PDB file of N, CA and C in Angstrom:
ATOM      1  N   MET A   1      41.236 -50.802  14.518  1.00  0.00           N
ATOM      2  CA  MET A   1      40.463 -49.380  15.120  1.00  0.00           C
ATOM      3  C   MET A   1      41.870 -48.426  15.152  1.00  0.00           C
ATOM      4  N   ASN A   2      42.868 -48.913  15.843  1.00  0.00           N
ATOM      5  CA  ASN A   2      44.043 -47.974  16.551  1.00  0.00           C
ATOM      6  C   ASN A   2      44.495 -47.473  15.429  1.00  0.00           C
ATOM      7  N   LEU A   3      44.562 -48.510  14.088  1.00  0.00           N
ATOM      8  CA  LEU A   3      45.287 -47.829  12.781  1.00  0.00           C
ATOM      9  C   LEU A   3      44.555 -46.818  12.343  1.00  0.00           C
ATOM     10  N   ILE A   4      42.999 -46.956  12.055  1.00  0.00           N
ATOM     11  CA  ILE A   4      42.479 -45.720  11.447  1.00  0.00           C
ATOM     12  C   ILE A   4      42.822 -44.507  12.239  1.00  0.00           C
ATOM     13  N   VAL A   5      42.655 -44.889  13.633  1.00  0.00           N
ATOM     14  CA  VAL A   5      42.660 -43.313  14.485  1.00  0.00           C
ATOM     15  C   VAL A   5      44.402 -42.672  14.431  1.00  0.00           C
ATOM     16  N   THR A   6      45.460 -43.503  14.169  1.00  0.00           N
ATOM     17  CA  THR A   6      46.675 -43.581  14.341  1.00  0.00           C
ATOM     18  C   THR A   6      47.020 -42.528  12.476  1.00  0.00           C
ATOM     19  N   GLU A   7      46.148 -42.967  11.811  1.00  0.00           N
ATOM     20  CA  GLU A   7      46.427 -42.659  10.361  1.00  0.00           C
ATOM     21  C   GLU A   7      45.523 -41.319  10.236  1.00  0.00           C
ATOM     22  N   ILE A   8      44.385 -40.943  10.715  1.00  0.00           N
ATOM     23  CA  ILE A   8      43.814 -39.734  10.909  1.00  0.00           C
ATOM     24  C   ILE A   8      44.670 -38.571  11.773  1.00  0.00           C
ATOM     25  N   ALA A   9      45.620 -39.153  12.862  1.00  0.00           N
ATOM     26  CA  ALA A   9      46.300 -38.078  13.620  1.00  0.00           C
ATOM     27  C   ALA A   9      47.402 -37.704  12.762  1.00  0.00           C
ATOM     28  N   ASN A  10      47.962 -38.908  12.124  1.00  0.00           N
ATOM     29  CA  ASN A  10      49.039 -38.562  10.814  1.00  0.00           C
ATOM     30  C   ASN A  10      48.695 -37.416   9.978  1.00  0.00           C
ATOM     31  N   ILE A  11      47.276 -37.535   9.335  1.00  0.00           N
ATOM     32  CA  ILE A  11      47.055 -36.349   8.232  1.00  0.00           C
ATOM     33  C   ILE A  11      46.645 -35.143   8.859  1.00  0.00           C
ATOM     34  N   ILE A  12      46.318 -35.045  10.314  1.00  0.00           N
ATOM     35  CA  ILE A  12      46.196 -33.682  10.947  1.00  0.00           C
ATOM     36  C   ILE A  12      47.446 -33.262  11.055  1.00  0.00           C
ATOM     37  N   LYS A  13      48.366 -34.068  11.779  1.00  0.00           N
ATOM     38  CA  LYS A  13      49.981 -33.298  11.940  1.00  0.00           C
ATOM     39  C   LYS A  13      50.658 -33.362  10.848  1.00  0.00           C
ATOM     40  N   SER A  14      50.405 -33.599   9.603  1.00  0.00           N
ATOM     41  CA  SER A  14      51.286 -33.742   8.456  1.00  0.00           C
ATOM     42  C   SER A  14      50.755 -32.419   7.487  1.00  0.00           C
ATOM     43  N   GLU A  15      49.694 -31.878   7.757  1.00  0.00           N
ATOM     44  CA  GLU A  15      49.430 -30.385   7.033  1.00  0.00           C
ATOM     45  C   GLU A  15      49.172 -29.333   7.827  1.00  0.00           C
ATOM     46  N   SER A  16      49.671 -28.231   7.377  1.00  0.00           N
ATOM     47  CA  SER A  16      49.350 -27.171   8.054  1.00  0.00           C
ATOM     48  C   SER A  16      48.249 -26.517   7.646  1.00  0.00           C
ATOM     49  N   ASN A  17      48.309 -26.455   6.206  1.00  0.00           N
ATOM     50  CA  ASN A  17      47.209 -25.996   5.506  1.00  0.00           C
ATOM     51  C   ASN A  17      45.503 -26.705   5.867  1.00  0.00           C
ATOM     52  N   TYR A  18      44.796 -25.961   6.127  1.00  0.00           N
ATOM     53  CA  TYR A  18      43.115 -26.394   6.431  1.00  0.00           C
ATOM     54  C   TYR A  18      42.668 -27.216   5.472  1.00  0.00           C
ATOM     55  N   ILE A  19      42.547 -26.448   4.076  1.00  0.00           N
ATOM     56  CA  ILE A  19      41.957 -26.983   3.093  1.00  0.00           C
ATOM     57  C   ILE A  19      42.797 -28.682   2.772  1.00  0.00           C
ATOM     58  N   LYS A  20      43.842 -28.521   2.357  1.00  0.00           N
ATOM     59  CA  LYS A  20      44.842 -29.519   2.124  1.00  0.00           C
ATOM     60  C   LYS A  20      44.648 -30.894   3.019  1.00  0.00           C
ATOM     61  N   ARG A  21      44.613 -30.506   4.232  1.00  0.00           N
ATOM     62  CA  ARG A  21      44.198 -31.134   5.529  1.00  0.00           C
ATOM     63  C   ARG A  21      42.808 -32.272   5.610  1.00  0.00           C
ATOM     64  N   GLU A  22      41.790 -31.168   5.028  1.00  0.00           N
ATOM     65  CA  GLU A  22      40.153 -31.184   5.010  1.00  0.00           C
ATOM     66  C   GLU A  22      40.247 -32.470   3.866  1.00  0.00           C
ATOM     67  N   ARG A  23      40.652 -31.880   2.837  1.00  0.00           N
ATOM     68  CA  ARG A  23      40.785 -32.767   1.450  1.00  0.00           C
ATOM     69  C   ARG A  23      41.379 -34.324   1.847  1.00  0.00           C
ATOM     70  N   LYS A  24      42.562 -34.254   2.332  1.00  0.00           N
ATOM     71  CA  LYS A  24      43.208 -35.451   2.853  1.00  0.00           C
ATOM     72  C   LYS A  24      42.263 -36.333   3.903  1.00  0.00           C
ATOM     73  N   ILE A  25      41.694 -35.695   4.844  1.00  0.00           N
ATOM     74  CA  ILE A  25      40.754 -36.665   5.599  1.00  0.00           C
ATOM     75  C   ILE A  25      39.590 -36.650   4.758  1.00  0.00           C
ATOM     76  N   VAL A  26      38.896 -36.221   4.139  1.00  0.00           N
ATOM     77  CA  VAL A  26      37.698 -36.799   3.348  1.00  0.00           C
ATOM     78  C   VAL A  26      37.902 -37.894   2.679  1.00  0.00           C
ATOM     79  N   CYS A  27      39.338 -37.875   1.631  1.00  0.00           N
ATOM     80  CA  CYS A  27      39.674 -38.810   0.975  1.00  0.00           C
ATOM     81  C   CYS A  27      40.294 -39.950   1.490  1.00  0.00           C
ATOM     82  N   PHE A  28      40.501 -39.748   2.997  1.00  0.00           N
ATOM     83  CA  PHE A  28      40.786 -41.089   3.516  1.00  0.00           C
ATOM     84  C   PHE A  28      39.199 -41.780   4.218  1.00  0.00           C
ATOM     85  N   PHE A  29      38.154 -41.019   4.126  1.00  0.00           N
ATOM     86  CA  PHE A  29      37.149 -41.692   5.015  1.00  0.00           C
ATOM     87  C   PHE A  29      36.577 -42.444   3.821  1.00  0.00           C
ATOM     88  N   LEU A  30      36.549 -41.651   2.517  1.00  0.00           N
ATOM     89  CA  LEU A  30      35.943 -42.314   0.905  1.00  0.00           C
ATOM     90  C   LEU A  30      36.589 -43.553   1.177  1.00  0.00           C
ATOM     91  N   ASN A  31      38.002 -43.733   0.877  1.00  0.00           N
ATOM     92  CA  ASN A  31      38.845 -44.831   0.707  1.00  0.00           C
ATOM     93  C   ASN A  31      38.143 -46.023   1.763  1.00  0.00           C
ATOM     94  N   LEU A  32      38.198 -45.646   3.311  1.00  0.00           N
ATOM     95  CA  LEU A  32      37.741 -46.447   4.030  1.00  0.00           C
ATOM     96  C   LEU A  32      36.578 -46.822   3.861  1.00  0.00           C
ATOM     97  N   ILE A  33      35.646 -46.095   3.574  1.00  0.00           N
ATOM     98  CA  ILE A  33      34.201 -46.644   3.398  1.00  0.00           C
ATOM     99  C   ILE A  33      34.145 -47.666   1.974  1.00  0.00           C
ATOM    100  N   LYS A  34      34.888 -47.323   0.976  1.00  0.00           N
ATOM    101  CA  LYS A  34      34.840 -47.995  -0.032  1.00  0.00           C
ATOM    102  C   LYS A  34      35.433 -49.295   0.084  1.00  0.00           C
ATOM    103  N   GLU A  35      36.393 -49.712   1.095  1.00  0.00           N
ATOM    104  CA  GLU A  35      37.184 -50.376   1.706  1.00  0.00           C
ATOM    105  C   GLU A  35      36.124 -51.428   2.186  1.00  0.00           C
ATOM    106  N   VAL A  36      35.584 -51.096   3.447  1.00  0.00           N
ATOM    107  CA  VAL A  36      34.369 -51.653   4.053  1.00  0.00           C
ATOM    108  C   VAL A  36      33.420 -52.081   3.513  1.00  0.00           C
ATOM    109  N   MET A  37      32.993 -51.434   2.452  1.00  0.00           N
ATOM    110  CA  MET A  37      31.628 -51.957   1.637  1.00  0.00           C
ATOM    111  C   MET A  37      32.226 -52.966   0.953  1.00  0.00           C
ATOM    112  N   SER A  38      33.435 -53.136   0.250  1.00  0.00           N
ATOM    113  CA  SER A  38      33.810 -54.017  -0.396  1.00  0.00           C
ATOM    114  C   SER A  38      34.044 -55.408   0.449  1.00  0.00           C
ATOM    115  N   LEU A  39      34.329 -54.926   1.635  1.00  0.00           N
ATOM    116  CA  LEU A  39      34.853 -56.587   2.473  1.00  0.00           C
ATOM    117  C   LEU A  39      33.394 -56.912   2.659  1.00  0.00           C
ATOM    118  N   ALA A  40      32.430 -56.462   3.046  1.00  0.00           N
ATOM    119  CA  ALA A  40      30.862 -56.594   3.384  1.00  0.00           C
ATOM    120  C   ALA A  40      30.470 -57.459   2.546  1.00  0.00           C
ATOM    121  N   LEU A  41      30.325 -56.979   0.849  1.00  0.00           N
ATOM    122  CA  LEU A  41      29.508 -57.302  -0.135  1.00  0.00           C
ATOM    123  C   LEU A  41      30.520 -58.437  -0.599  1.00  0.00           C
ATOM    124  N   ALA A  42      31.659 -58.631  -0.031  1.00  0.00           N
ATOM    125  CA  ALA A  42      32.205 -59.769  -0.650  1.00  0.00           C
ATOM    126  C   ALA A  42      31.671 -61.026   0.180  1.00  0.00           C
ATOM    127  N   GLU A  43      31.545 -60.692   1.706  1.00  0.00           N
ATOM    128  CA  GLU A  43      31.274 -61.641   2.622  1.00  0.00           C
ATOM    129  C   GLU A  43      29.630 -62.047   2.066  1.00  0.00           C
ATOM    130  N   VAL A  44      28.725 -61.082   2.003  1.00  0.00           N
ATOM    131  CA  VAL A  44      27.542 -61.434   1.127  1.00  0.00           C
ATOM    132  C   VAL A  44      27.559 -62.056   0.273  1.00  0.00           C
ATOM    133  N   ASP A  45      28.096 -61.890  -0.954  1.00  0.00           N
ATOM    134  CA  ASP A  45      28.167 -62.776  -2.032  1.00  0.00           C
ATOM    135  C   ASP A  45      28.852 -63.761  -1.946  1.00  0.00           C
ATOM    136  N   ASP A  46      29.710 -63.966  -1.089  1.00  0.00           N
ATOM    137  CA  ASP A  46      30.137 -65.492  -0.669  1.00  0.00           C
ATOM    138  C   ASP A  46      29.577 -66.589  -0.467  1.00  0.00           C
ATOM    139  N   GLU A  47      28.354 -65.705   0.880  1.00  0.00           N
ATOM    140  CA  GLU A  47      27.573 -66.473   1.443  1.00  0.00           C
ATOM    141  C   GLU A  47      26.374 -66.936   0.624  1.00  0.00           C
ATOM    142  N   MET A  48      26.147 -66.087  -0.392  1.00  0.00           N
ATOM    143  CA  MET A  48      25.040 -66.281  -1.602  1.00  0.00           C
ATOM    144  C   MET A  48      25.327 -67.286  -2.748  1.00  0.00           C
ATOM    145  N   THR A  49      26.817 -67.434  -2.627  1.00  0.00           N
ATOM    146  CA  THR A  49      27.527 -68.247  -3.846  1.00  0.00           C
ATOM    147  C   THR A  49      27.420 -69.625  -3.155  1.00  0.00           C
ATOM    148  N   GLU A  50      27.773 -69.950  -2.019  1.00  0.00           N
ATOM    149  CA  GLU A  50      27.535 -70.994  -1.157  1.00  0.00           C
ATOM    150  C   GLU A  50      25.961 -71.664  -1.253  1.00  0.00           C
ATOM    151  N   GLU A  51      25.075 -70.728  -1.124  1.00  0.00           N
ATOM    152  CA  GLU A  51      23.860 -71.107  -0.963  1.00  0.00           C
ATOM    153  C   GLU A  51      23.407 -71.768  -2.405  1.00  0.00           C
ATOM    154  N   LEU A  52      23.969 -70.986  -3.528  1.00  0.00           N
ATOM    155  CA  LEU A  52      23.484 -71.099  -4.785  1.00  0.00           C
ATOM    156  C   LEU A  52      24.070 -72.204  -5.439  1.00  0.00           C
ATOM    157  N   LYS A  53      25.296 -72.469  -4.808  1.00  0.00           N
ATOM    158  CA  LYS A  53      26.048 -73.723  -5.504  1.00  0.00           C
ATOM    159  C   LYS A  53      25.023 -74.848  -4.903  1.00  0.00           C
ATOM    160  N   ALA A  54      24.964 -74.905  -3.950  1.00  0.00           N
ATOM    161  CA  ALA A  54      24.124 -76.193  -3.045  1.00  0.00           C
ATOM    162  C   ALA A  54      22.866 -76.332  -3.974  1.00  0.00           C
ATOM    163  N   GLN A  55      22.320 -75.344  -4.426  1.00  0.00           N
ATOM    164  CA  GLN A  55      20.856 -75.360  -4.941  1.00  0.00           C
ATOM    165  C   GLN A  55      20.968 -76.146  -6.530  1.00  0.00           C
ATOM    166  N   GLY A  56      22.555 -76.042  -6.813  1.00  0.00           N
ATOM    167  CA  GLY A  56      22.870 -76.748  -8.329  1.00  0.00           C
ATOM    168  C   GLY A  56      23.067 -75.851  -9.190  1.00  0.00           C
ATOM    169  N   TYR A  57      23.287 -74.396  -8.892  1.00  0.00           N
ATOM    170  CA  TYR A  57      23.785 -73.567  -9.979  1.00  0.00           C
ATOM    171  C   TYR A  57      25.677 -73.355 -10.034  1.00  0.00           C
ATOM    172  N   GLN A  58      25.679 -72.914 -11.199  1.00  0.00           N
ATOM    173  CA  GLN A  58      27.335 -72.649 -11.661  1.00  0.00           C
ATOM    174  C   GLN A  58      27.400 -71.253 -11.548  1.00  0.00           C
ATOM    175  N   ILE A  59      28.371 -70.959 -11.022  1.00  0.00           N
ATOM    176  CA  ILE A  59      28.767 -69.800 -10.325  1.00  0.00           C
ATOM    177  C   ILE A  59      30.347 -69.362 -11.170  1.00  0.00           C
ATOM    178  N   GLU A  60      30.355 -68.410 -11.851  1.00  0.00           N
ATOM    179  CA  GLU A  60      31.620 -67.561 -12.732  1.00  0.00           C
ATOM    180  C   GLU A  60      31.938 -66.330 -12.135  1.00  0.00           C
ATOM    181  N   ARG A  61      33.206 -66.308 -11.629  1.00  0.00           N
ATOM    182  CA  ARG A  61      33.499 -64.968 -10.865  1.00  0.00           C
ATOM    183  C   ARG A  61      34.653 -64.408 -12.074  1.00  0.00           C
ATOM    184  N   THR A  62      34.200 -62.827 -12.109  1.00  0.00           N
ATOM    185  CA  THR A  62      35.104 -62.366 -13.307  1.00  0.00           C
ATOM    186  C   THR A  62      35.465 -61.163 -12.340  1.00  0.00           C
ATOM    187  N   LEU A  63      36.416 -60.354 -12.823  1.00  0.00           N
ATOM    188  CA  LEU A  63      36.995 -59.314 -12.293  1.00  0.00           C
ATOM    189  C   LEU A  63      36.354 -57.602 -13.316  1.00  0.00           C
ATOM    190  N   ASN A  64      35.515 -57.011 -12.921  1.00  0.00           N
ATOM    191  CA  ASN A  64      34.911 -55.721 -13.815  1.00  0.00           C
ATOM    192  C   ASN A  64      36.365 -54.788 -13.935  1.00  0.00           C
ATOM    193  N   GLN A  65      36.175 -53.798 -14.774  1.00  0.00           N
ATOM    194  CA  GLN A  65      36.835 -52.718 -15.517  1.00  0.00           C
ATOM    195  C   GLN A  65      37.012 -51.816 -14.060  1.00  0.00           C
ATOM    196  N   TYR A  66      35.962 -51.662 -12.789  1.00  0.00           N
ATOM    197  CA  TYR A  66      36.212 -50.665 -11.788  1.00  0.00           C
ATOM    198  C   TYR A  66      37.138 -51.645 -10.866  1.00  0.00           C
ATOM    199  N   GLY A  67      37.496 -52.811 -11.027  1.00  0.00           N
ATOM    200  CA  GLY A  67      38.125 -53.411  -9.804  1.00  0.00           C
ATOM    201  C   GLY A  67      37.043 -54.272  -8.542  1.00  0.00           C
ATOM    202  N   PHE A  68      35.984 -54.452  -9.292  1.00  0.00           N
ATOM    203  CA  PHE A  68      35.209 -55.550  -8.061  1.00  0.00           C
ATOM    204  C   PHE A  68      34.805 -56.626  -9.081  1.00  0.00           C
ATOM    205  N   TRP A  69      34.755 -57.732  -7.846  1.00  0.00           N
ATOM    206  CA  TRP A  69      34.163 -58.913  -8.551  1.00  0.00           C
ATOM    207  C   TRP A  69      32.767 -59.267  -8.737  1.00  0.00           C
ATOM    208  N   ARG A  70      32.385 -59.992 -10.198  1.00  0.00           N
ATOM    209  CA  ARG A  70      30.775 -59.787 -10.397  1.00  0.00           C
ATOM    210  C   ARG A  70      30.862 -61.173 -10.482  1.00  0.00           C
ATOM    211  N   SER A  71      29.878 -61.954 -10.258  1.00  0.00           N
ATOM    212  CA  SER A  71      29.421 -63.257  -9.964  1.00  0.00           C
ATOM    213  C   SER A  71      28.448 -63.664 -11.481  1.00  0.00           C
ATOM    214  N   LYS A  72      28.529 -64.430 -12.460  1.00  0.00           N
ATOM    215  CA  LYS A  72      28.031 -64.606 -13.250  1.00  0.00           C
ATOM    216  C   LYS A  72      27.126 -66.095 -12.743  1.00  0.00           C
ATOM    217  N   ILE A  73      26.071 -66.205 -12.877  1.00  0.00           N
ATOM    218  CA  ILE A  73      25.095 -67.148 -12.229  1.00  0.00           C
ATOM    219  C   ILE A  73      24.215 -67.942 -13.165  1.00  0.00           C
ATOM    220  N   GLN A  74      24.469 -69.060 -13.023  1.00  0.00           N
ATOM    221  CA  GLN A  74      24.131 -69.915 -14.346  1.00  0.00           C
ATOM    222  C   GLN A  74      23.000 -71.309 -13.267  1.00  0.00           C
ATOM    223  N   GLN A  75      22.163 -71.682 -13.853  1.00  0.00           N
ATOM    224  CA  GLN A  75      21.417 -72.515 -13.577  1.00  0.00           C
ATOM    225  C   GLN A  75      22.011 -73.749 -14.308  1.00  0.00           C
ATOM    226  N   LYS A  76      22.261 -75.191 -13.656  1.00  0.00           N
ATOM    227  CA  LYS A  76      22.938 -76.135 -14.339  1.00  0.00           C
ATOM    228  C   LYS A  76      21.630 -76.472 -15.501  1.00  0.00           C
ATOM    229  N   LYS A  77      21.979 -77.036 -16.225  1.00  0.00           N
ATOM    230  CA  LYS A  77      20.527 -77.638 -17.285  1.00  0.00           C
ATOM    231  C   LYS A  77      20.979 -78.991 -17.199  1.00  0.00           C
ATOM    232  N   ILE A  78      19.880 -79.232 -16.996  1.00  0.00           N
ATOM    233  CA  ILE A  78      19.904 -81.007 -16.605  1.00  0.00           C
ATOM    234  C   ILE A  78      19.021 -81.559 -18.011  1.00  0.00           C
ATOM    235  N   ARG A  79      20.062 -82.768 -18.552  1.00  0.00           N
ATOM    236  CA  ARG A  79      19.703 -83.471 -19.572  1.00  0.00           C
ATOM    237  C   ARG A  79      19.004 -84.738 -19.110  1.00  0.00           C
ATOM    238  N   LEU A  80      17.868 -85.184 -19.648  1.00  0.00           N
ATOM    239  CA  LEU A  80      17.393 -86.322 -19.315  1.00  0.00           C
ATOM    240  C   LEU A  80      17.970 -87.270 -20.527  1.00  0.00           C
ATOM    241  N   PRO A  81      17.869 -88.724 -19.994  1.00  0.00           N
ATOM    242  CA  PRO A  81      17.863 -89.491 -21.027  1.00  0.00           C
ATOM    243  C   PRO A  81      17.166 -89.514 -21.919  1.00  0.00           C
ATOM    244  N   ARG A  82      17.364 -89.825 -23.383  1.00  0.00           N
ATOM    245  CA  ARG A  82      16.381 -89.999 -24.169  1.00  0.00           C
ATOM    246  C   ARG A  82      15.557 -90.778 -24.381  1.00  0.00           C
ATOM    247  N   GLN A  83      14.534 -90.686 -24.233  1.00  0.00           N
ATOM    248  CA  GLN A  83      13.406 -92.360 -24.117  1.00  0.00           C
ATOM    249  C   GLN A  83      13.267 -92.447 -25.598  1.00  0.00           C
ATOM    250  N   GLU A  84      13.179 -93.725 -25.553  1.00  0.00           N
ATOM    251  CA  GLU A  84      12.945 -94.451 -27.054  1.00  0.00           C
ATOM    252  C   GLU A  84      11.319 -94.838 -27.205  1.00  0.00           C
ATOM    253  N   ALA A  85      11.042 -94.431 -28.165  1.00  0.00           N
ATOM    254  CA  ALA A  85       9.489 -94.718 -28.279  1.00  0.00           C
ATOM    255  C   ALA A  85       9.163 -96.175 -28.206  1.00  0.00           C
ATOM    256  N   PRO A  86       7.840 -96.271 -27.472  1.00  0.00           N
ATOM    257  CA  PRO A  86       7.273 -97.546 -26.907  1.00  0.00           C
ATOM    258  C   PRO A  86       7.158 -98.779 -27.885  1.00  0.00           C
ATOM    259  N   ILE A  87       7.799 -99.719 -28.143  1.00  0.00           N
ATOM    260  CA  ILE A  87       7.504-100.751 -28.866  1.00  0.00           C
ATOM    261  C   ILE A  87       6.119-101.228 -28.816  1.00  0.00           C
ATOM    262  N   SER A  88       5.501-101.599 -29.870  1.00  0.00           N
ATOM    263  CA  SER A  88       3.867-101.653 -29.791  1.00  0.00           C
ATOM    264  C   SER A  88       3.863-103.316 -30.646  1.00  0.00           C
ATOM    265  N   ILE A  89       3.226-104.100 -30.063  1.00  0.00           N
ATOM    266  CA  ILE A  89       2.940-105.316 -30.055  1.00  0.00           C
ATOM    267  C   ILE A  89       1.670-105.467 -30.777  1.00  0.00           C
ATOM    268  N   GLY A  90       1.547-106.297 -31.816  1.00  0.00           N
ATOM    269  CA  GLY A  90       0.350-106.079 -32.365  1.00  0.00           C
ATOM    270  C   GLY A  90      -0.279-106.450 -33.562  1.00  0.00           C
TER     271      GLY A  90
END
């Protein structure tokens, strides 16, 4: 939290032009919101991944074009042993 306050104070001190200062502050907050949401979604995704793995799903994680991790979830295919036709005696 102190780092955020320090960064905002540095932005305010660094710009004398009000419009540029406001733009820098808006950009700072937009980036901050993006980072916080990214961390929150990653935490939720990790919890969901563990639950689904325990249920037998396969999870494949890939990085998309926007820099976010995506999870491809597939249910494991269960192969049952092949049964032979019953032998009839008679």
